[in-house]
Protein backbone atom coordinates (compact mmCIF):
# COMPACT_ATOMS: atom_id res chain seq x y z
CA MET A 1 127.28 74.43 103.65
CA ASN A 2 126.41 77.14 100.83
CA PHE A 3 127.85 80.39 102.12
CA GLY A 4 124.38 81.48 100.24
CA VAL A 5 122.56 79.32 103.44
CA VAL A 6 124.27 81.55 105.44
CA LEU A 7 123.09 84.73 104.67
CA VAL A 8 119.08 83.50 103.69
CA VAL A 9 119.08 82.27 107.41
CA LEU A 10 121.12 85.56 108.79
CA GLY A 11 118.75 88.34 107.32
CA GLY A 12 116.12 86.26 108.69
CA PHE A 13 117.59 86.62 111.89
CA LEU A 14 118.18 89.71 111.33
CA LEU A 15 114.46 90.16 110.31
CA GLY A 16 113.24 89.03 112.74
CA GLY A 17 115.48 91.40 115.17
CA ALA A 18 113.93 93.71 113.08
CA TRP A 19 110.25 93.35 113.74
CA SER A 20 112.01 93.02 117.80
CA ILE A 21 112.70 96.65 118.12
CA TRP A 22 109.25 96.93 116.02
CA ARG A 23 107.30 95.84 118.52
CA ALA A 24 109.05 97.14 121.36
CA ASP A 25 107.59 100.35 121.53
CA HIS A 26 106.90 102.75 124.38
CA ASP A 27 104.18 102.33 127.01
CA THR A 28 103.38 106.93 126.66
CA ARG A 29 105.38 107.53 123.64
CA GLY A 30 104.48 105.83 120.97
CA ARG A 31 108.04 104.27 119.03
CA THR A 32 110.94 106.60 119.66
CA GLY A 33 113.37 107.94 116.80
CA PRO A 34 116.25 105.80 117.68
CA GLN A 35 113.50 102.60 117.64
CA VAL A 36 112.92 103.19 114.21
CA PHE A 37 115.84 104.22 112.84
CA PHE A 38 117.11 100.95 114.15
CA ALA A 39 114.46 98.67 112.87
CA LEU A 40 115.11 100.74 109.49
CA VAL A 41 118.66 99.92 109.78
CA LEU A 42 117.96 96.07 110.35
CA LEU A 43 115.33 95.57 107.90
CA VAL A 44 117.62 97.50 105.23
CA ALA A 45 120.79 94.90 106.04
CA ALA A 46 117.75 92.08 106.05
CA LEU A 47 116.72 92.50 102.89
CA LEU A 48 120.28 93.33 101.39
CA ALA A 49 121.25 89.80 103.10
CA THR A 50 118.80 88.21 101.82
CA ALA A 51 118.77 89.49 98.42
CA SER A 52 122.70 88.97 98.42
CA GLY A 53 121.96 85.40 100.06
CA ILE A 54 119.36 84.38 97.21
CA LEU A 55 121.35 85.77 94.17
CA ARG A 56 124.71 83.56 95.07
CA LEU A 57 122.60 80.36 95.33
CA VAL A 58 121.38 80.60 92.10
């Protein structure tokens, strides 16, 4: 298996984790600050992993 494919799959998992954290809001206060921060960190990591994987495949 090519390492680029592994990076793209990893990016997909990280994107799913970011979406899961973004959807998990607190019942009374909405999303908390740490939830938003961690979701954004996972989103950036997902985008970097996916872009690296695509560039590695090309």
